[in-house]
Structures are given as C-alpha cells and as structure tokens.
Amino acid sequence: MIVDAPPAPARRRAPVGTVLCWVAAAPTAAWATVRLVGLDRGPLVQALAFTPYVAGWSVLALALTLALRRWWPAAVAALAAVALLGVVVPRALAQPQPAVTGPTIRLLTANLLAGAADASTLVELVRRHRVDVLTVQEFTPDAQAALDRAGLDRLLPYRQLNAQDGTPGSGLYSRWPIGEVGVRDNRGGWGFSQAYGTLAVPGGPPVRVESAHPSAPYALDQVGAWRADLVAQPPATPGGGLRILAGDFNSTLDHGPLRALLRTGYVDAADATGTGLTGTWGPYDGDLIPPVTIDHVLIDRRIAADDVAVFDLPGSDHRPVLATLRLPAA
C-alpha cells in the first residue's frame, strides 16, 4: 500500500502589505506626537516647519491603510491625520474678527536679504497698495539709500531706522508720526536688531509697532539662540496699549515658542484671515525645499485683520507680507 506523504507546510509569506502600511503610518504618528507635545528641540526645530506637508501625507497614509484593509495601521494613521489636520487646516479658514470701528492700517513687512532685495519693487508695492507702515529686516545703509532714491522718503516720511551692513539691521517706516522710538538688540545668532516706535494714527489709539527678527535655527548650535530670542519678544499687553510685531520670525505656527508668544494676546493676521498656509520663505533658487511660512504679522487680539496678501520680491529669499488691519476707535 502506498501512503501519500504529508503535504509540506505552507511557506509563510511576508506580510508585505502590513509592513508597507506601518511604514506609511508610523512616521506620521511620530510627527503628530512631536508636534502636539511640543518637542521642538535640536534637528526637530527645522523639521517641524514642514508640518503642513506632513499633514497632507497623513491623508495619503490613511487612504493606503484603508485600501489594504490593515486596521491597526489604519487606526494609528487616522489618529495622526486628525491630529495634524486639526492644527493645520484652521490656518486656511478665516476666523471671526473683533467688531471695531477705528481706522484702517495697511502694514507691509519684508526681509531684504542683507540689502539685496530690489528697492524699486518694494517701493512700488508701497505705492500701489497705499501702505501706511513698512517694517524691514536685514536692512543695510545701501538699501536705505536705494529705497529713498525710489521714492520711499516721499511715501513714508516718518522713520526709525537702524541700518547696518550685513544682516543685523532693521527699520520702521510710517505715513504718520512715530514716537517712543528705539532699537531692540537680540542677543542670539547674528545679533539681529528690531526697530520700534509708537504710531500716532489719526482717529485711532497709539500703536506700538516693532520690526521683529529673532535668530534663525540654521544649525544645531543656534537652536538655543533661536529659542531665547523668541522668548525675549515683547508680549502683548491686553490690559494696556496696542502692539504689533511684524517681520521674519524664523518660526512657523508649528513651533512652540511662537505659539507661546501668541498666547500672551497676539493673533497671527494670516491665520486669522485664512491665508496662514501661504509660504513666505523659499528658497527660490531651484533647491528642492518647499516654501514655509516664517514671516508673520502678529497683532493685538483687539485689532481686526481684514486681509493678508503675499508678494514676490526680486533679490530676496523672503516674500513680503501685506496685512490690512482695523483698529479700535480712539
């Protein structure tokens, strides 16, 4: 009698689909944890600037896990997507504004890349959009002269300027008189300065405006200086005068120190108007680095933000930000 040999045990196939799903879901879950807990330390500081892009990827990761019916990875991917989209999507949605009846201010801020930005383009933006207040960073003596040659001295005759060679300089220009002027020197990184003054706005209360420029976390040994400069930024004064900080913060809304500054009583004007995902820093020289939003106009929460627009500025790696604001009545 011939007895059939027992069948050879089936070879266990590698769960390729499961591995693929975990590879897609796990990084988004880790990123969401870092963002929600506020673990912006070391190399994570630079990485967190790209959170909006990871939020988009989280949707794709969730779709993949659902398509392959891998339920545990799908659950993790769903939690990560909800968390990331929850902090990113509101920036694209306009928020209710305070009901104020005071004058309108059109404020433009621009980083001039060590004075290399095209002065005529910037002055044309001021002229075309009837800008009332301009804050500039990386402001040099050559840039100051070029702006005046292009006619800025006639458009915005009042000023508090701290032009310096290289990147430390800053400036504040205004259509209206400026009082209580000064310059704040940041201690970290390149020692960026911040010109400030109090505007006498016709029909409105006095407004303290400062050209903000904390240190950049461009290297690991600069992260401490970056954090220190952000912590040292002047807080809002909800029980006192109105403040506006406008400039290159070298931070996005996904960085904890900037969010802490907002909690003192500021509102990000772009976030408030639903334009908070518009990139303001490239670089735009062909590098495969997507734009991120590090230039901001932070306004006292008693000020209404009507509109925010972003423009190109030849010669600079930043894009100017124009905020149309309404003040409380005087």
Protein backbone atom coordinates (compact mmCIF):
# COMPACT_ATOMS: atom_id res chain seq x y z
CA MET A 1 0.00 0.00 0.00
CA ILE A 2 1.32 3.42 -0.94
CA VAL A 3 0.82 6.11 1.64
CA ASP A 4 0.84 9.67 0.41
CA ALA A 5 3.46 11.82 2.11
CA PRO A 6 2.00 14.62 4.23
CA PRO A 7 1.94 17.95 2.44
CA ALA A 8 4.88 20.18 3.08
CA PRO A 9 4.00 23.06 5.42
CA ALA A 10 2.99 26.17 3.53
CA ARG A 11 5.69 28.75 3.41
CA ARG A 12 4.64 31.79 5.43
CA ARG A 13 4.62 34.74 3.13
CA ALA A 14 6.00 38.04 4.40
CA PRO A 15 3.11 40.41 5.20
CA VAL A 16 4.30 42.95 2.68
CA GLY A 17 1.07 44.92 2.80
CA THR A 18 1.16 45.18 6.57
CA VAL A 19 4.78 46.32 6.59
CA LEU A 20 4.02 48.90 3.93
CA CYS A 21 1.10 50.26 5.94
CA TRP A 22 3.16 50.59 9.10
CA VAL A 23 5.95 52.30 7.15
CA ALA A 24 3.38 54.83 5.96
CA ALA A 25 1.52 55.31 9.24
CA ALA A 26 4.23 55.22 11.91
CA PRO A 27 6.20 58.33 10.81
CA THR A 28 3.05 60.47 10.70
CA ALA A 29 2.11 59.25 14.17
CA ALA A 30 5.57 60.11 15.47
CA TRP A 31 5.41 63.53 13.82
CA ALA A 32 1.98 64.22 15.32
CA THR A 33 3.30 63.30 18.76
CA VAL A 34 6.28 65.63 18.44
CA ARG A 35 4.06 68.47 17.23
CA LEU A 36 1.34 68.09 19.86
CA VAL A 37 3.72 67.61 22.77
CA GLY A 38 5.92 70.49 21.60
CA LEU A 39 9.21 68.60 21.31
CA ASP A 40 10.88 71.20 19.10
CA ARG A 41 14.45 70.52 20.09
CA GLY A 42 17.62 70.02 18.08
CA PRO A 43 17.04 68.95 14.46
CA LEU A 44 13.29 68.70 15.10
CA VAL A 45 13.09 72.52 15.07
CA GLN A 46 13.84 72.73 11.36
CA ALA A 47 11.76 69.64 10.58
CA LEU A 48 8.61 70.94 12.28
CA ALA A 49 8.47 73.87 9.84
CA PHE A 50 7.23 71.36 7.24
CA THR A 51 4.31 70.07 9.32
CA PRO A 52 1.67 71.22 6.78
CA TYR A 53 3.25 68.95 4.17
CA VAL A 54 3.29 66.01 6.59
CA ALA A 55 -0.38 66.69 7.34
CA GLY A 56 -1.09 66.23 3.63
CA TRP A 57 0.90 63.00 3.61
CA SER A 58 -1.06 61.73 6.61
CA VAL A 59 -4.21 61.66 4.47
CA LEU A 60 -2.44 59.52 1.87
CA ALA A 61 -1.13 57.19 4.57
CA LEU A 62 -4.65 56.75 5.93
CA ALA A 63 -6.03 56.08 2.45
CA LEU A 64 -3.36 53.41 1.86
CA THR A 65 -4.07 51.57 5.11
CA LEU A 66 -7.79 51.60 4.45
CA ALA A 67 -7.36 50.39 0.88
CA LEU A 68 -5.24 47.46 2.07
CA ARG A 69 -7.60 46.78 4.98
CA ARG A 70 -4.89 46.84 7.62
CA TRP A 71 -6.97 48.01 10.55
CA TRP A 72 -4.37 48.60 13.24
CA PRO A 73 -2.16 50.74 10.99
CA ALA A 74 -5.34 52.43 9.78
CA ALA A 75 -6.32 53.34 13.33
CA VAL A 76 -2.88 54.83 14.00
CA ALA A 77 -2.93 56.67 10.67
CA ALA A 78 -6.40 58.05 11.42
CA LEU A 79 -5.34 59.43 14.80
CA ALA A 80 -2.25 61.03 13.27
CA ALA A 81 -4.24 62.56 10.41
CA VAL A 82 -6.85 64.00 12.76
CA ALA A 83 -4.15 65.49 14.98
CA LEU A 84 -2.10 67.02 12.15
CA LEU A 85 -5.05 68.28 10.15
CA GLY A 86 -6.52 69.68 13.34
CA VAL A 87 -3.56 72.01 13.82
CA VAL A 88 -3.00 72.85 10.14
CA VAL A 89 -6.41 73.20 8.47
CA PRO A 90 -7.64 76.12 10.64
CA ARG A 91 -4.93 78.29 9.07
CA ALA A 92 -6.84 78.08 5.80
CA LEU A 93 -10.14 79.12 7.41
CA ALA A 94 -11.00 82.75 8.16
CA GLN A 95 -11.89 83.45 11.78
CA PRO A 96 -14.40 85.92 13.22
CA GLN A 97 -12.84 89.34 13.80
CA PRO A 98 -13.45 91.84 16.59
CA ALA A 99 -16.11 94.43 15.77
CA VAL A 100 -14.00 97.58 15.65
CA THR A 101 -14.79 100.93 14.04
CA GLY A 102 -11.41 102.65 14.03
CA PRO A 103 -9.09 103.49 11.12
CA THR A 104 -7.53 101.04 8.70
CA ILE A 105 -3.78 100.36 8.65
CA ARG A 106 -2.04 98.71 5.71
CA LEU A 107 1.18 97.21 7.04
CA LEU A 108 3.87 95.62 4.87
CA THR A 109 6.84 93.66 6.17
CA ALA A 110 9.84 92.49 4.13
CA ASN A 111 13.18 90.79 4.72
CA LEU A 112 15.69 92.41 2.34
CA LEU A 113 18.32 89.61 2.36
CA ALA A 114 21.25 91.73 3.56
CA GLY A 115 20.02 94.64 1.46
CA ALA A 116 19.99 92.71 -1.84
CA ALA A 117 16.22 92.99 -2.42
CA ASP A 118 15.09 95.14 -5.33
CA ALA A 119 14.26 98.54 -3.85
CA SER A 120 12.10 99.74 -6.75
CA THR A 121 9.85 96.67 -6.49
CA LEU A 122 9.36 97.20 -2.77
CA VAL A 123 8.59 100.89 -3.16
CA GLU A 124 6.14 100.09 -5.95
CA LEU A 125 4.35 97.71 -3.58
CA VAL A 126 4.13 100.52 -1.05
CA ARG A 127 2.78 102.92 -3.66
CA ARG A 128 0.34 100.55 -5.36
CA HIS A 129 -1.19 99.20 -2.15
CA ARG A 130 -1.15 102.53 -0.30
CA VAL A 131 0.91 101.07 2.50
CA ASP A 132 0.86 103.07 5.74
CA VAL A 133 3.55 101.22 7.68
CA LEU A 134 6.60 99.27 6.48
CA THR A 135 8.90 97.11 8.60
CA VAL A 136 12.13 95.79 7.08
CA GLN A 137 14.74 93.30 8.24
CA GLU A 138 18.33 92.70 7.07
CA PHE A 139 18.33 96.43 6.35
CA THR A 140 21.60 97.99 5.16
CA PRO A 141 22.78 101.57 4.50
CA ASP A 142 22.81 100.80 0.76
CA ALA A 143 19.22 99.55 0.97
CA GLN A 144 18.18 102.69 2.83
CA ALA A 145 19.70 104.89 0.11
CA ALA A 146 18.16 102.80 -2.70
CA LEU A 147 14.69 102.94 -1.13
CA ASP A 148 14.84 106.71 -0.85
CA ARG A 149 16.05 107.04 -4.44
CA ALA A 150 12.98 105.02 -5.46
CA GLY A 151 10.73 107.47 -3.61
CA LEU A 152 10.07 105.84 -0.24
CA ASP A 153 11.01 109.03 1.61
CA ARG A 154 8.05 110.79 0.00
CA LEU A 155 5.56 107.96 0.59
CA LEU A 156 6.53 107.14 4.19
CA PRO A 157 8.36 110.16 5.58
CA TYR A 158 8.45 109.15 9.26
CA ARG A 159 11.01 106.54 10.25
CA GLN A 160 13.01 104.79 12.91
CA LEU A 161 15.97 103.15 11.19
CA ASN A 162 18.91 101.02 12.27
CA ALA A 163 20.69 100.30 9.00
CA GLN A 164 23.74 98.06 9.36
CA ASP A 165 25.99 96.21 6.95
CA GLY A 166 25.13 92.54 6.58
CA THR A 167 22.02 91.14 8.22
CA PRO A 168 21.55 92.77 11.68
CA GLY A 169 19.79 95.97 10.53
CA SER A 170 16.09 96.77 10.75
CA GLY A 171 13.79 99.65 10.03
CA LEU A 172 10.33 101.08 10.62
CA TYR A 173 8.72 103.48 8.13
CA SER A 174 5.36 105.23 8.57
CA ARG A 175 2.92 107.58 6.92
CA TRP A 176 2.22 109.04 10.36
CA PRO A 177 4.48 110.44 13.08
CA ILE A 178 6.38 107.95 15.23
CA GLY A 179 7.16 108.49 18.91
CA GLU A 180 8.79 106.49 21.71
CA VAL A 181 11.30 105.08 19.23
CA GLY A 182 14.10 102.66 19.93
CA VAL A 183 16.02 99.59 18.81
CA ARG A 184 15.95 96.18 20.48
CA ASP A 185 19.08 94.06 20.05
CA ASN A 186 18.59 90.30 20.01
CA ARG A 187 21.44 88.51 21.71
CA GLY A 188 21.47 85.23 19.78
CA GLY A 189 22.78 84.15 16.40
CA TRP A 190 23.67 87.07 14.18
CA GLY A 191 22.51 89.68 16.69
CA PHE A 192 19.54 90.85 14.65
CA SER A 193 18.10 94.21 15.73
CA GLN A 194 14.45 95.27 15.94
CA ALA A 195 13.49 98.90 15.32
CA TYR A 196 10.29 100.01 17.03
CA GLY A 197 8.12 103.04 17.67
CA THR A 198 4.61 104.14 18.60
CA LEU A 199 2.45 105.35 15.72
CA ALA A 200 0.11 108.32 16.05
CA VAL A 201 -2.70 107.01 13.83
CA PRO A 202 -5.36 109.65 13.04
CA GLY A 203 -8.68 108.65 14.60
CA GLY A 204 -7.19 105.64 16.37
CA PRO A 205 -5.30 104.82 19.55
CA PRO A 206 -1.49 104.80 19.65
CA VAL A 207 0.01 101.55 18.29
CA ARG A 208 3.43 100.20 19.14
CA VAL A 209 4.94 98.56 16.02
CA GLU A 210 8.17 96.56 16.04
CA SER A 211 10.17 95.06 13.18
CA ALA A 212 10.65 91.53 14.53
CA HIS A 213 13.66 89.38 13.63
CA PRO A 214 14.62 86.63 16.09
CA SER A 215 17.62 84.43 15.37
CA ALA A 216 17.37 81.65 12.78
CA PRO A 217 17.82 77.97 13.78
CA TYR A 218 20.01 77.35 10.74
CA ALA A 219 22.35 75.00 12.66
CA LEU A 220 22.03 72.83 15.75
CA ASP A 221 24.23 75.14 17.81
CA GLN A 222 21.88 78.04 17.01
CA VAL A 223 18.68 76.45 18.33
CA GLY A 224 19.27 77.82 21.82
CA ALA A 225 19.72 81.36 20.49
CA TRP A 226 16.60 80.99 18.37
CA ARG A 227 14.54 79.96 21.37
CA ALA A 228 16.00 82.70 23.59
CA ASP A 229 15.22 85.41 21.02
CA LEU A 230 11.63 84.23 20.65
CA VAL A 231 11.13 84.10 24.41
CA ALA A 232 12.50 87.65 24.64
CA GLN A 233 10.00 89.09 22.15
CA PRO A 234 7.73 91.72 23.74
CA PRO A 235 4.49 90.10 24.89
CA ALA A 236 1.11 91.52 24.06
CA THR A 237 -0.42 93.88 26.61
CA PRO A 238 -4.14 93.03 26.70
CA GLY A 239 -4.73 95.49 29.52
CA GLY A 240 -2.59 98.24 28.01
CA GLY A 241 -1.65 99.74 24.66
CA LEU A 242 -1.91 98.04 21.29
CA ARG A 243 1.12 96.20 19.92
CA ILE A 244 2.03 94.79 16.52
CA LEU A 245 5.07 92.62 15.81
CA ALA A 246 5.78 92.27 12.09
CA GLY A 247 8.72 90.61 10.43
CA ASP A 248 10.79 87.49 9.88
CA PHE A 249 10.25 85.31 12.95
CA ASN A 250 12.21 82.33 11.58
CA SER A 251 9.38 80.24 13.02
CA THR A 252 6.09 78.78 11.89
CA LEU A 253 2.91 78.24 13.86
CA ASP A 254 4.13 74.70 14.48
CA HIS A 255 6.93 75.96 16.74
CA GLY A 256 6.16 76.07 20.44
CA PRO A 257 7.93 79.38 21.28
CA LEU A 258 5.92 81.26 18.65
CA ARG A 259 2.67 79.74 19.89
CA ALA A 260 3.62 80.77 23.43
CA LEU A 261 4.12 84.35 22.22
CA LEU A 262 0.69 84.29 20.59
CA ARG A 263 -0.88 83.16 23.87
CA THR A 264 0.17 86.42 25.51
CA GLY A 265 -2.55 88.14 23.50
CA TYR A 266 -1.48 88.26 19.86
CA VAL A 267 -3.24 86.90 16.76
CA ASP A 268 -1.42 85.89 13.59
CA ALA A 269 -3.06 88.03 10.89
CA ALA A 270 -2.60 85.43 8.13
CA ASP A 271 -4.02 82.70 10.33
CA ALA A 272 -6.99 84.92 11.19
CA THR A 273 -7.80 85.62 7.53
CA GLY A 274 -7.42 82.06 6.25
CA THR A 275 -4.09 82.66 4.46
CA GLY A 276 -1.86 81.06 7.07
CA LEU A 277 -0.57 78.33 4.75
CA THR A 278 0.95 80.68 2.18
CA GLY A 279 4.72 80.18 2.12
CA THR A 280 6.90 83.24 2.71
CA TRP A 281 10.40 81.73 2.56
CA GLY A 282 11.73 79.50 -0.19
CA PRO A 283 14.48 79.37 -1.01
CA TYR A 284 13.54 80.18 -4.59
CA ASP A 285 16.82 79.36 -6.33
CA GLY A 286 15.93 75.91 -7.60
CA ASP A 287 16.54 73.97 -4.39
CA LEU A 288 14.01 71.23 -3.72
CA ILE A 289 12.84 72.78 -0.46
CA PRO A 290 9.14 73.63 -0.31
CA PRO A 291 8.16 77.09 0.97
CA VAL A 292 7.38 77.57 4.64
CA THR A 293 5.60 80.37 6.49
CA ILE A 294 8.07 82.15 8.76
CA ASP A 295 7.18 85.82 8.11
CA HIS A 296 4.26 86.98 10.22
CA VAL A 297 2.23 89.99 11.30
CA LEU A 298 1.24 89.44 14.92
CA ILE A 299 -1.49 91.81 16.06
CA ASP A 300 -3.12 92.56 19.38
CA ARG A 301 -6.31 90.47 19.58
CA ARG A 302 -8.30 93.73 19.83
CA ILE A 303 -7.25 94.59 16.25
CA ALA A 304 -9.22 93.16 13.31
CA ALA A 305 -7.42 91.56 10.36
CA ASP A 306 -9.31 92.15 7.11
CA ASP A 307 -6.88 90.72 4.57
CA VAL A 308 -3.36 89.35 4.15
CA ALA A 309 -1.50 89.06 0.83
CA VAL A 310 1.99 87.79 -0.03
CA PHE A 311 4.11 89.12 -2.90
CA ASP A 312 7.35 88.31 -4.69
CA LEU A 313 10.42 90.49 -4.11
CA PRO A 314 13.34 90.01 -6.53
CA GLY A 315 16.70 89.76 -4.81
CA SER A 316 15.29 88.38 -1.55
CA ASP A 317 14.61 84.81 -0.46
CA HIS A 318 11.60 86.05 1.53
CA ARG A 319 8.25 87.26 0.26
CA PRO A 320 6.76 90.49 1.66
CA VAL A 321 3.54 90.16 3.66
CA LEU A 322 0.86 92.86 3.48
CA ALA A 323 -1.77 92.94 6.22
CA THR A 324 -4.84 95.18 6.10
CA LEU A 325 -5.88 95.86 9.68
CA ARG A 326 -8.62 97.80 11.51
CA LEU A 327 -8.00 99.44 14.85
CA PRO A 328 -10.43 100.10 17.67
CA ALA A 329 -11.76 103.64 17.71
CA ALA A 330 -9.75 106.18 19.65
